[in-house]
Each structure stands twice: as structure tokens, then as C-alpha cells.
Amino acid sequence: MIGATAGLIYRVGCSVLGQSRIPTAQANAWAAVCADRQRAQERAELERWLATGRQRRDR
């Protein structure tokens, strides 16, 4: 019963939203990878900024 309901909801979603707008596990995984990369880049930038501030203070 649950499987049939899920299938129906999926088919309705595809027809209403369009196949390309239905989220997939692959799309979700890629979004998570991109978010992780962005956070890592921001963390590295903050660490560089803090290190620069420490170097100026130590002079």
C-alpha cells in the first residue's frame, strides 16, 4: 500500500513539476558535496584572515 502511494505521488509530481525538477538521491548528494566544499573554502579563508591578524599583532 505504501509503495503504491509513493509511486502515485512520484508520478503526479513528475507530471506537475516536470521530470527535471524532481529531486533525486544523486542531486541531493551533489548538493551536499557542493555545500561541504563551500564551507571548507569559507573556513580556510577565515583561518588565513585570522593568521594574518596574528602575524600583524606579533610584529
Protein backbone atom coordinates (compact mmCIF):
# COMPACT_ATOMS: atom_id res chain seq x y z
CA MET A 1 0.00 0.00 0.00
CA ILE A 2 2.78 2.45 0.94
CA GLY A 3 4.76 1.60 -2.18
CA ALA A 4 1.76 2.18 -4.43
CA THR A 5 1.07 5.51 -2.75
CA ALA A 6 4.69 6.58 -3.12
CA GLY A 7 4.63 5.63 -6.80
CA LEU A 8 1.45 7.61 -7.36
CA ILE A 9 2.87 10.67 -5.60
CA TYR A 10 6.04 10.40 -7.69
CA ARG A 11 4.09 10.19 -10.97
CA VAL A 12 1.89 13.14 -10.01
CA GLY A 13 4.96 15.15 -9.02
CA CYS A 14 6.61 14.38 -12.34
CA SER A 15 3.57 15.46 -14.29
CA VAL A 16 3.04 18.64 -12.26
CA LEU A 17 6.63 19.76 -11.70
CA GLY A 18 8.33 18.11 -14.64
CA GLN A 19 10.86 15.28 -14.54
CA SER A 20 13.85 17.60 -14.26
CA ARG A 21 12.55 19.28 -11.08
CA ILE A 22 12.06 16.08 -9.07
CA PRO A 23 14.89 15.78 -6.53
CA THR A 24 16.97 12.62 -6.80
CA ALA A 25 19.43 11.00 -4.44
CA GLN A 26 22.22 11.90 -6.86
CA ALA A 27 21.16 15.55 -6.95
CA ASN A 28 20.91 15.64 -3.17
CA ALA A 29 24.36 14.08 -2.82
CA TRP A 30 25.87 16.58 -5.26
CA ALA A 31 24.26 19.48 -3.39
CA ALA A 32 25.79 18.15 -0.15
CA VAL A 33 29.23 17.90 -1.78
CA CYS A 34 28.95 21.48 -3.05
CA ALA A 35 27.85 22.72 0.38
CA ASP A 36 30.79 20.90 2.03
CA ARG A 37 33.22 22.46 -0.44
CA GLN A 38 31.78 25.92 0.18
CA ARG A 39 32.07 25.52 3.96
CA ALA A 40 35.66 24.28 3.62
CA GLN A 41 36.55 27.26 1.43
CA GLU A 42 34.99 29.69 3.91
CA ARG A 43 36.78 28.00 6.82
CA ALA A 44 40.12 28.22 5.01
CA GLU A 45 39.53 31.88 4.20
CA LEU A 46 38.72 32.63 7.84
CA GLU A 47 41.83 30.77 9.01
CA ARG A 48 44.00 32.80 6.58
CA TRP A 49 42.40 36.03 7.79
CA LEU A 50 42.98 35.10 11.45
CA ALA A 51 46.58 34.07 10.75
CA THR A 52 47.24 37.40 9.03
CA GLY A 53 45.81 39.23 12.03
CA ARG A 54 48.01 37.27 14.43
CA GLN A 55 51.11 37.98 12.36
CA ARG A 56 50.40 41.71 12.39
CA ARG A 57 49.87 41.66 16.15
CA ASP A 58 53.09 39.76 16.81
CA ARG A 59 55.25 42.32 14.96
